[in-house]
Amino acid sequence: MDGEKQHYIKVNLPDSLEHYEEGRGEGCFFIVDDRTKAAYDADEDGTVYEGILDNDSLYFPGLTHGATLPVEMRGTARPVVPYDALEGYLKGYSSAEEEVLAVLDNLEGRAAQRLKKYLEKRKAEDLDEYESIIGAIYLKKTDDPGTLAQSIINAANILKEWGEL
Protein backbone atom coordinates (compact mmCIF):
# COMPACT_ATOMS: atom_id res chain seq x y z
CA MET A 1 0.00 0.00 0.00
CA ASP A 2 3.03 2.24 -0.28
CA GLY A 3 2.18 5.45 -2.09
CA GLU A 4 -1.53 4.62 -2.24
CA LYS A 5 -4.33 6.08 -0.23
CA GLN A 6 -5.46 3.85 2.61
CA HIS A 7 -9.14 3.06 2.93
CA TYR A 8 -11.18 1.44 5.67
CA ILE A 9 -13.76 -1.26 5.10
CA LYS A 10 -15.58 -3.55 7.52
CA VAL A 11 -14.98 -7.28 7.09
CA ASN A 12 -16.47 -10.25 8.95
CA LEU A 13 -14.25 -12.77 10.74
CA PRO A 14 -16.29 -16.00 10.81
CA ASP A 15 -15.66 -18.23 13.82
CA SER A 16 -16.91 -21.41 12.11
CA LEU A 17 -17.15 -22.87 8.62
CA GLU A 18 -20.93 -22.47 8.78
CA HIS A 19 -20.60 -18.77 9.59
CA TYR A 20 -18.10 -18.36 6.75
CA GLU A 21 -20.53 -19.92 4.29
CA GLU A 22 -23.32 -17.64 5.57
CA GLY A 23 -21.06 -14.57 5.54
CA ARG A 24 -21.49 -13.93 9.28
CA GLY A 25 -18.89 -13.19 11.89
CA GLU A 26 -17.22 -10.58 14.02
CA GLY A 27 -17.16 -7.28 12.15
CA CYS A 28 -13.68 -5.72 12.12
CA PHE A 29 -12.14 -2.80 10.32
CA PHE A 30 -9.48 -3.45 7.70
CA ILE A 31 -7.10 -1.08 5.97
CA VAL A 32 -7.11 -1.75 2.23
CA ASP A 33 -5.52 -0.31 -0.90
CA ASP A 34 -7.20 1.51 -3.81
CA ARG A 35 -7.76 -1.68 -5.83
CA THR A 36 -9.47 -3.49 -2.92
CA LYS A 37 -11.62 -0.46 -2.09
CA ALA A 38 -12.68 -0.22 -5.75
CA ALA A 39 -13.70 -3.91 -5.70
CA TYR A 40 -15.61 -3.31 -2.48
CA ASP A 41 -17.41 -0.27 -3.94
CA ALA A 42 -18.22 -2.21 -7.14
CA ASP A 43 -19.83 -5.04 -5.10
CA GLU A 44 -17.51 -7.65 -6.60
CA ASP A 45 -18.38 -11.21 -5.66
CA GLY A 46 -15.93 -14.07 -5.11
CA THR A 47 -12.71 -12.13 -5.65
CA VAL A 48 -10.04 -12.18 -2.94
CA TYR A 49 -7.74 -9.33 -1.96
CA GLU A 50 -5.58 -8.57 1.09
CA GLY A 51 -6.23 -6.23 3.96
CA ILE A 52 -4.63 -5.26 7.24
CA LEU A 53 -6.67 -5.82 10.40
CA ASP A 54 -6.99 -2.47 12.16
CA ASN A 55 -8.31 -3.67 15.53
CA ASP A 56 -7.87 -6.68 17.78
CA SER A 57 -10.30 -9.55 17.33
CA LEU A 58 -12.65 -10.56 20.14
CA TYR A 59 -13.29 -14.03 18.70
CA PHE A 60 -9.65 -14.84 17.97
CA PRO A 61 -7.45 -13.73 20.90
CA GLY A 62 -4.20 -14.21 18.97
CA LEU A 63 -5.38 -12.12 16.04
CA THR A 64 -4.38 -8.51 16.61
CA HIS A 65 -4.17 -5.27 14.65
CA GLY A 66 -1.58 -5.25 11.93
CA ALA A 67 -2.25 -8.82 10.77
CA THR A 68 -2.47 -9.18 6.99
CA LEU A 69 -5.36 -11.42 5.93
CA PRO A 70 -7.20 -12.33 2.74
CA VAL A 71 -10.50 -10.51 2.21
CA GLU A 72 -13.15 -12.25 0.10
CA MET A 73 -15.67 -9.98 -1.58
CA ARG A 74 -19.34 -11.03 -1.24
CA GLY A 75 -21.20 -8.71 -3.61
CA THR A 76 -23.57 -6.41 -1.73
CA ALA A 77 -22.95 -8.30 1.53
CA ARG A 78 -20.04 -7.52 3.85
CA PRO A 79 -16.73 -9.16 2.82
CA VAL A 80 -15.38 -12.06 4.89
CA VAL A 81 -11.99 -13.50 5.71
CA PRO A 82 -11.88 -17.10 4.41
CA TYR A 83 -12.33 -19.43 7.37
CA ASP A 84 -9.22 -21.49 6.62
CA ALA A 85 -7.13 -18.32 7.13
CA LEU A 86 -8.48 -18.07 10.69
CA GLU A 87 -8.40 -21.69 11.90
CA GLY A 88 -4.93 -21.36 13.41
CA TYR A 89 -6.16 -18.67 15.80
CA LEU A 90 -8.70 -20.93 17.56
CA LYS A 91 -7.46 -22.90 20.56
CA GLY A 92 -8.89 -26.41 20.57
CA TYR A 93 -12.46 -25.42 19.68
CA SER A 94 -14.03 -24.97 16.28
CA SER A 95 -15.41 -21.57 17.33
CA ALA A 96 -15.52 -19.03 20.14
CA GLU A 97 -19.21 -19.87 20.49
CA GLU A 98 -18.42 -23.57 20.96
CA GLU A 99 -15.88 -22.81 23.69
CA VAL A 100 -18.22 -20.48 25.61
CA LEU A 101 -21.08 -22.99 25.40
CA ALA A 102 -18.81 -25.89 26.44
CA VAL A 103 -17.71 -24.04 29.59
CA LEU A 104 -21.30 -22.91 30.26
CA ASP A 105 -22.48 -26.55 30.03
CA ASN A 106 -20.03 -27.49 32.79
CA LEU A 107 -21.13 -24.73 35.15
CA GLU A 108 -23.67 -25.51 37.85
CA GLY A 109 -26.13 -23.15 39.41
CA ARG A 110 -29.28 -21.29 38.49
CA ALA A 111 -27.51 -18.26 37.02
CA ALA A 112 -25.59 -20.40 34.53
CA GLN A 113 -28.73 -22.30 33.54
CA ARG A 114 -30.73 -19.10 33.11
CA LEU A 115 -27.93 -17.64 30.99
CA LYS A 116 -27.95 -20.74 28.81
CA LYS A 117 -31.72 -20.39 28.24
CA TYR A 118 -31.34 -16.67 27.59
CA LEU A 119 -28.62 -17.31 24.99
CA GLU A 120 -30.79 -19.92 23.27
CA LYS A 121 -33.63 -17.39 23.11
CA ARG A 122 -31.38 -14.60 21.79
CA LYS A 123 -29.94 -16.92 19.15
CA ALA A 124 -33.45 -17.69 17.89
CA GLU A 125 -34.66 -14.07 18.01
CA ASP A 126 -31.65 -11.86 17.22
CA LEU A 127 -28.55 -13.60 15.90
CA ASP A 128 -26.45 -10.42 15.80
CA GLU A 129 -27.15 -9.68 19.46
CA TYR A 130 -26.43 -13.32 20.37
CA GLU A 131 -23.05 -13.19 18.60
CA SER A 132 -22.23 -9.90 20.33
CA ILE A 133 -22.95 -11.43 23.75
CA ILE A 134 -20.81 -14.49 22.96
CA GLY A 135 -18.03 -12.18 21.75
CA ALA A 136 -18.22 -10.01 24.87
CA ILE A 137 -18.01 -13.06 27.12
CA TYR A 138 -15.14 -14.48 25.09
CA LEU A 139 -13.27 -11.15 25.16
CA LYS A 140 -12.63 -11.61 28.88
CA LYS A 141 -11.10 -15.06 28.33
CA THR A 142 -7.44 -15.85 28.78
CA ASP A 143 -5.89 -19.29 28.38
CA ASP A 144 -7.16 -20.19 31.86
CA PRO A 145 -10.56 -21.95 31.54
CA GLY A 146 -11.47 -20.65 35.00
CA THR A 147 -11.32 -17.12 33.66
CA LEU A 148 -13.89 -17.92 30.96
CA ALA A 149 -16.13 -19.50 33.59
CA GLN A 150 -15.88 -16.33 35.69
CA SER A 151 -16.65 -14.23 32.62
CA ILE A 152 -19.80 -16.31 32.03
CA ILE A 153 -20.89 -15.89 35.65
CA ASN A 154 -20.26 -12.13 35.44
CA ALA A 155 -22.35 -11.94 32.25
CA ALA A 156 -25.19 -13.81 33.97
CA ASN A 157 -25.07 -11.38 36.91
CA ILE A 158 -25.09 -8.33 34.61
CA LEU A 159 -28.05 -9.68 32.62
CA LYS A 160 -29.86 -10.41 35.90
CA GLU A 161 -29.28 -6.79 37.02
CA TRP A 162 -30.71 -5.61 33.70
CA GLY A 163 -33.80 -7.75 34.26
CA GLU A 164 -32.99 -10.01 31.29
CA LEU A 165 -32.64 -13.19 33.39
C-alpha atoms as a PDB file:
ATOM      1  CA  MET A   1       0.000   0.000   0.000  1.00  0.00           C
ATOM      2  CA  ASP A   2       3.025   2.239  -0.277  1.00  0.00           C
ATOM      3  CA  GLY A   3       2.181   5.450  -2.088  1.00  0.00           C
ATOM      4  CA  GLU A   4      -1.526   4.616  -2.241  1.00  0.00           C
ATOM      5  CA  LYS A   5      -4.330   6.083  -0.231  1.00  0.00           C
ATOM      6  CA  GLN A   6      -5.464   3.848   2.611  1.00  0.00           C
ATOM      7  CA  HIS A   7      -9.144   3.056   2.927  1.00  0.00           C
ATOM      8  CA  TYR A   8     -11.175   1.435   5.671  1.00  0.00           C
ATOM      9  CA  ILE A   9     -13.763  -1.260   5.096  1.00  0.00           C
ATOM     10  CA  LYS A  10     -15.578  -3.547   7.521  1.00  0.00           C
ATOM     11  CA  VAL A  11     -14.981  -7.278   7.093  1.00  0.00           C
ATOM     12  CA  ASN A  12     -16.473 -10.254   8.951  1.00  0.00           C
ATOM     13  CA  LEU A  13     -14.250 -12.773  10.742  1.00  0.00           C
ATOM     14  CA  PRO A  14     -16.295 -15.999  10.807  1.00  0.00           C
ATOM     15  CA  ASP A  15     -15.656 -18.232  13.820  1.00  0.00           C
ATOM     16  CA  SER A  16     -16.909 -21.407  12.114  1.00  0.00           C
ATOM     17  CA  LEU A  17     -17.145 -22.866   8.624  1.00  0.00           C
ATOM     18  CA  GLU A  18     -20.930 -22.472   8.780  1.00  0.00           C
ATOM     19  CA  HIS A  19     -20.603 -18.774   9.594  1.00  0.00           C
ATOM     20  CA  TYR A  20     -18.104 -18.364   6.753  1.00  0.00           C
ATOM     21  CA  GLU A  21     -20.525 -19.924   4.288  1.00  0.00           C
ATOM     22  CA  GLU A  22     -23.319 -17.639   5.565  1.00  0.00           C
ATOM     23  CA  GLY A  23     -21.056 -14.571   5.544  1.00  0.00           C
ATOM     24  CA  ARG A  24     -21.490 -13.932   9.275  1.00  0.00           C
ATOM     25  CA  GLY A  25     -18.893 -13.187  11.895  1.00  0.00           C
ATOM     26  CA  GLU A  26     -17.225 -10.585  14.024  1.00  0.00           C
ATOM     27  CA  GLY A  27     -17.155  -7.279  12.151  1.00  0.00           C
ATOM     28  CA  CYS A  28     -13.684  -5.723  12.121  1.00  0.00           C
ATOM     29  CA  PHE A  29     -12.140  -2.800  10.322  1.00  0.00           C
ATOM     30  CA  PHE A  30      -9.478  -3.448   7.703  1.00  0.00           C
ATOM     31  CA  ILE A  31      -7.105  -1.076   5.967  1.00  0.00           C
ATOM     32  CA  VAL A  32      -7.115  -1.745   2.229  1.00  0.00           C
ATOM     33  CA  ASP A  33      -5.524  -0.307  -0.904  1.00  0.00           C
ATOM     34  CA  ASP A  34      -7.203   1.507  -3.808  1.00  0.00           C
ATOM     35  CA  ARG A  35      -7.761  -1.676  -5.826  1.00  0.00           C
ATOM     36  CA  THR A  36      -9.466  -3.486  -2.923  1.00  0.00           C
ATOM     37  CA  LYS A  37     -11.616  -0.464  -2.089  1.00  0.00           C
ATOM     38  CA  ALA A  38     -12.676  -0.219  -5.751  1.00  0.00           C
ATOM     39  CA  ALA A  39     -13.697  -3.915  -5.701  1.00  0.00           C
ATOM     40  CA  TYR A  40     -15.613  -3.307  -2.481  1.00  0.00           C
ATOM     41  CA  ASP A  41     -17.410  -0.273  -3.943  1.00  0.00           C
ATOM     42  CA  ALA A  42     -18.216  -2.212  -7.141  1.00  0.00           C
ATOM     43  CA  ASP A  43     -19.831  -5.044  -5.101  1.00  0.00           C
ATOM     44  CA  GLU A  44     -17.506  -7.654  -6.595  1.00  0.00           C
ATOM     45  CA  ASP A  45     -18.382 -11.209  -5.659  1.00  0.00           C
ATOM     46  CA  GLY A  46     -15.926 -14.066  -5.107  1.00  0.00           C
ATOM     47  CA  THR A  47     -12.710 -12.134  -5.648  1.00  0.00           C
ATOM     48  CA  VAL A  48     -10.040 -12.180  -2.941  1.00  0.00           C
ATOM     49  CA  TYR A  49      -7.744  -9.335  -1.956  1.00  0.00           C
ATOM     50  CA  GLU A  50      -5.585  -8.565   1.090  1.00  0.00           C
ATOM     51  CA  GLY A  51      -6.229  -6.232   3.963  1.00  0.00           C
ATOM     52  CA  ILE A  52      -4.629  -5.263   7.245  1.00  0.00           C
ATOM     53  CA  LEU A  53      -6.670  -5.820  10.400  1.00  0.00           C
ATOM     54  CA  ASP A  54      -6.994  -2.472  12.161  1.00  0.00           C
ATOM     55  CA  ASN A  55      -8.314  -3.666  15.529  1.00  0.00           C
ATOM     56  CA  ASP A  56      -7.872  -6.684  17.783  1.00  0.00           C
ATOM     57  CA  SER A  57     -10.305  -9.552  17.333  1.00  0.00           C
ATOM     58  CA  LEU A  58     -12.649 -10.563  20.138  1.00  0.00           C
ATOM     59  CA  TYR A  59     -13.293 -14.034  18.700  1.00  0.00           C
ATOM     60  CA  PHE A  60      -9.649 -14.842  17.973  1.00  0.00           C
ATOM     61  CA  PRO A  61      -7.453 -13.728  20.900  1.00  0.00           C
ATOM     62  CA  GLY A  62      -4.196 -14.215  18.974  1.00  0.00           C
ATOM     63  CA  LEU A  63      -5.377 -12.122  16.042  1.00  0.00           C
ATOM     64  CA  THR A  64      -4.377  -8.510  16.607  1.00  0.00           C
ATOM     65  CA  HIS A  65      -4.172  -5.273  14.654  1.00  0.00           C
ATOM     66  CA  GLY A  66      -1.577  -5.254  11.932  1.00  0.00           C
ATOM     67  CA  ALA A  67      -2.246  -8.824  10.769  1.00  0.00           C
ATOM     68  CA  THR A  68      -2.465  -9.175   6.991  1.00  0.00           C
ATOM     69  CA  LEU A  69      -5.355 -11.423   5.934  1.00  0.00           C
ATOM     70  CA  PRO A  70      -7.199 -12.332   2.738  1.00  0.00           C
ATOM     71  CA  VAL A  71     -10.498 -10.512   2.206  1.00  0.00           C
ATOM     72  CA  GLU A  72     -13.150 -12.245   0.099  1.00  0.00           C
ATOM     73  CA  MET A  73     -15.673  -9.975  -1.576  1.00  0.00           C
ATOM     74  CA  ARG A  74     -19.336 -11.025  -1.235  1.00  0.00           C
ATOM     75  CA  GLY A  75     -21.199  -8.707  -3.609  1.00  0.00           C
ATOM     76  CA  THR A  76     -23.569  -6.408  -1.727  1.00  0.00           C
ATOM     77  CA  ALA A  77     -22.946  -8.299   1.533  1.00  0.00           C
ATOM     78  CA  ARG A  78     -20.042  -7.523   3.851  1.00  0.00           C
ATOM     79  CA  PRO A  79     -16.732  -9.158   2.815  1.00  0.00           C
ATOM     80  CA  VAL A  80     -15.381 -12.061   4.894  1.00  0.00           C
ATOM     81  CA  VAL A  81     -11.989 -13.502   5.713  1.00  0.00           C
ATOM     82  CA  PRO A  82     -11.882 -17.096   4.410  1.00  0.00           C
ATOM     83  CA  TYR A  83     -12.330 -19.428   7.370  1.00  0.00           C
ATOM     84  CA  ASP A  84      -9.216 -21.489   6.616  1.00  0.00           C
ATOM     85  CA  ALA A  85      -7.125 -18.324   7.126  1.00  0.00           C
ATOM     86  CA  LEU A  86      -8.479 -18.073  10.694  1.00  0.00           C
ATOM     87  CA  GLU A  87      -8.400 -21.691  11.900  1.00  0.00           C
ATOM     88  CA  GLY A  88      -4.932 -21.356  13.407  1.00  0.00           C
ATOM     89  CA  TYR A  89      -6.160 -18.674  15.799  1.00  0.00           C
ATOM     90  CA  LEU A  90      -8.700 -20.931  17.557  1.00  0.00           C
ATOM     91  CA  LYS A  91      -7.458 -22.898  20.557  1.00  0.00           C
ATOM     92  CA  GLY A  92      -8.894 -26.408  20.566  1.00  0.00           C
ATOM     93  CA  TYR A  93     -12.463 -25.423  19.680  1.00  0.00           C
ATOM     94  CA  SER A  94     -14.029 -24.975  16.277  1.00  0.00           C
ATOM     95  CA  SER A  95     -15.408 -21.572  17.327  1.00  0.00           C
ATOM     96  CA  ALA A  96     -15.515 -19.034  20.140  1.00  0.00           C
ATOM     97  CA  GLU A  97     -19.206 -19.874  20.490  1.00  0.00           C
ATOM     98  CA  GLU A  98     -18.415 -23.573  20.961  1.00  0.00           C
ATOM     99  CA  GLU A  99     -15.881 -22.813  23.688  1.00  0.00           C
ATOM    100  CA  VAL A 100     -18.223 -20.477  25.613  1.00  0.00           C
ATOM    101  CA  LEU A 101     -21.079 -22.988  25.404  1.00  0.00           C
ATOM    102  CA  ALA A 102     -18.806 -25.888  26.442  1.00  0.00           C
ATOM    103  CA  VAL A 103     -17.712 -24.041  29.592  1.00  0.00           C
ATOM    104  CA  LEU A 104     -21.301 -22.915  30.257  1.00  0.00           C
ATOM    105  CA  ASP A 105     -22.485 -26.549  30.030  1.00  0.00           C
ATOM    106  CA  ASN A 106     -20.033 -27.487  32.794  1.00  0.00           C
ATOM    107  CA  LEU A 107     -21.133 -24.733  35.154  1.00  0.00           C
ATOM    108  CA  GLU A 108     -23.671 -25.506  37.846  1.00  0.00           C
ATOM    109  CA  GLY A 109     -26.134 -23.148  39.411  1.00  0.00           C
ATOM    110  CA  ARG A 110     -29.278 -21.293  38.491  1.00  0.00           C
ATOM    111  CA  ALA A 111     -27.512 -18.256  37.017  1.00  0.00           C
ATOM    112  CA  ALA A 112     -25.592 -20.403  34.529  1.00  0.00           C
ATOM    113  CA  GLN A 113     -28.727 -22.303  33.537  1.00  0.00           C
ATOM    114  CA  ARG A 114     -30.727 -19.096  33.110  1.00  0.00           C
ATOM    115  CA  LEU A 115     -27.932 -17.637  30.995  1.00  0.00           C
ATOM    116  CA  LYS A 116     -27.951 -20.737  28.809  1.00  0.00           C
ATOM    117  CA  LYS A 117     -31.721 -20.393  28.241  1.00  0.00           C
ATOM    118  CA  TYR A 118     -31.338 -16.667  27.589  1.00  0.00           C
ATOM    119  CA  LEU A 119     -28.620 -17.305  24.986  1.00  0.00           C
ATOM    120  CA  GLU A 120     -30.793 -19.918  23.266  1.00  0.00           C
ATOM    121  CA  LYS A 121     -33.629 -17.387  23.108  1.00  0.00           C
ATOM    122  CA  ARG A 122     -31.377 -14.596  21.793  1.00  0.00           C
ATOM    123  CA  LYS A 123     -29.937 -16.920  19.146  1.00  0.00           C
ATOM    124  CA  ALA A 124     -33.446 -17.688  17.894  1.00  0.00           C
ATOM    125  CA  GLU A 125     -34.663 -14.068  18.005  1.00  0.00           C
ATOM    126  CA  ASP A 126     -31.648 -11.858  17.224  1.00  0.00           C
ATOM    127  CA  LEU A 127     -28.554 -13.605  15.899  1.00  0.00           C
ATOM    128  CA  ASP A 128     -26.453 -10.421  15.798  1.00  0.00           C
ATOM    129  CA  GLU A 129     -27.146  -9.677  19.464  1.00  0.00           C
ATOM    130  CA  TYR A 130     -26.430 -13.319  20.368  1.00  0.00           C
ATOM    131  CA  GLU A 131     -23.053 -13.191  18.597  1.00  0.00           C
ATOM    132  CA  SER A 132     -22.234  -9.897  20.332  1.00  0.00           C
ATOM    133  CA  ILE A 133     -22.955 -11.427  23.746  1.00  0.00           C
ATOM    134  CA  ILE A 134     -20.808 -14.486  22.963  1.00  0.00           C
ATOM    135  CA  GLY A 135     -18.026 -12.180  21.749  1.00  0.00           C
ATOM    136  CA  ALA A 136     -18.221 -10.011  24.867  1.00  0.00           C
ATOM    137  CA  ILE A 137     -18.007 -13.057  27.124  1.00  0.00           C
ATOM    138  CA  TYR A 138     -15.135 -14.480  25.087  1.00  0.00           C
ATOM    139  CA  LEU A 139     -13.274 -11.151  25.160  1.00  0.00           C
ATOM    140  CA  LYS A 140     -12.635 -11.610  28.881  1.00  0.00           C
ATOM    141  CA  LYS A 141     -11.101 -15.062  28.332  1.00  0.00           C
ATOM    142  CA  THR A 142      -7.443 -15.852  28.783  1.00  0.00           C
ATOM    143  CA  ASP A 143      -5.885 -19.289  28.384  1.00  0.00           C
ATOM    144  CA  ASP A 144      -7.163 -20.185  31.865  1.00  0.00           C
ATOM    145  CA  PRO A 145     -10.556 -21.953  31.543  1.00  0.00           C
ATOM    146  CA  GLY A 146     -11.465 -20.653  35.002  1.00  0.00           C
ATOM    147  CA  THR A 147     -11.323 -17.116  33.662  1.00  0.00           C
ATOM    148  CA  LEU A 148     -13.886 -17.921  30.957  1.00  0.00           C
ATOM    149  CA  ALA A 149     -16.130 -19.499  33.585  1.00  0.00           C
ATOM    150  CA  GLN A 150     -15.876 -16.335  35.695  1.00  0.00           C
ATOM    151  CA  SER A 151     -16.652 -14.233  32.619  1.00  0.00           C
ATOM    152  CA  ILE A 152     -19.797 -16.308  32.026  1.00  0.00           C
ATOM    153  CA  ILE A 153     -20.888 -15.889  35.651  1.00  0.00           C
ATOM    154  CA  ASN A 154     -20.259 -12.133  35.437  1.00  0.00           C
ATOM    155  CA  ALA A 155     -22.352 -11.942  32.250  1.00  0.00           C
ATOM    156  CA  ALA A 156     -25.191 -13.809  33.971  1.00  0.00           C
ATOM    157  CA  ASN A 157     -25.066 -11.380  36.905  1.00  0.00           C
ATOM    158  CA  ILE A 158     -25.091  -8.334  34.612  1.00  0.00           C
ATOM    159  CA  LEU A 159     -28.052  -9.680  32.623  1.00  0.00           C
ATOM    160  CA  LYS A 160     -29.857 -10.406  35.900  1.00  0.00           C
ATOM    161  CA  GLU A 161     -29.280  -6.791  37.016  1.00  0.00           C
ATOM    162  CA  TRP A 162     -30.713  -5.605  33.700  1.00  0.00           C
ATOM    163  CA  GLY A 163     -33.801  -7.749  34.258  1.00  0.00           C
ATOM    164  CA  GLU A 164     -32.989 -10.015  31.293  1.00  0.00           C
ATOM    165  CA  LEU A 165     -32.642 -13.194  33.390  1.00  0.00           C
END
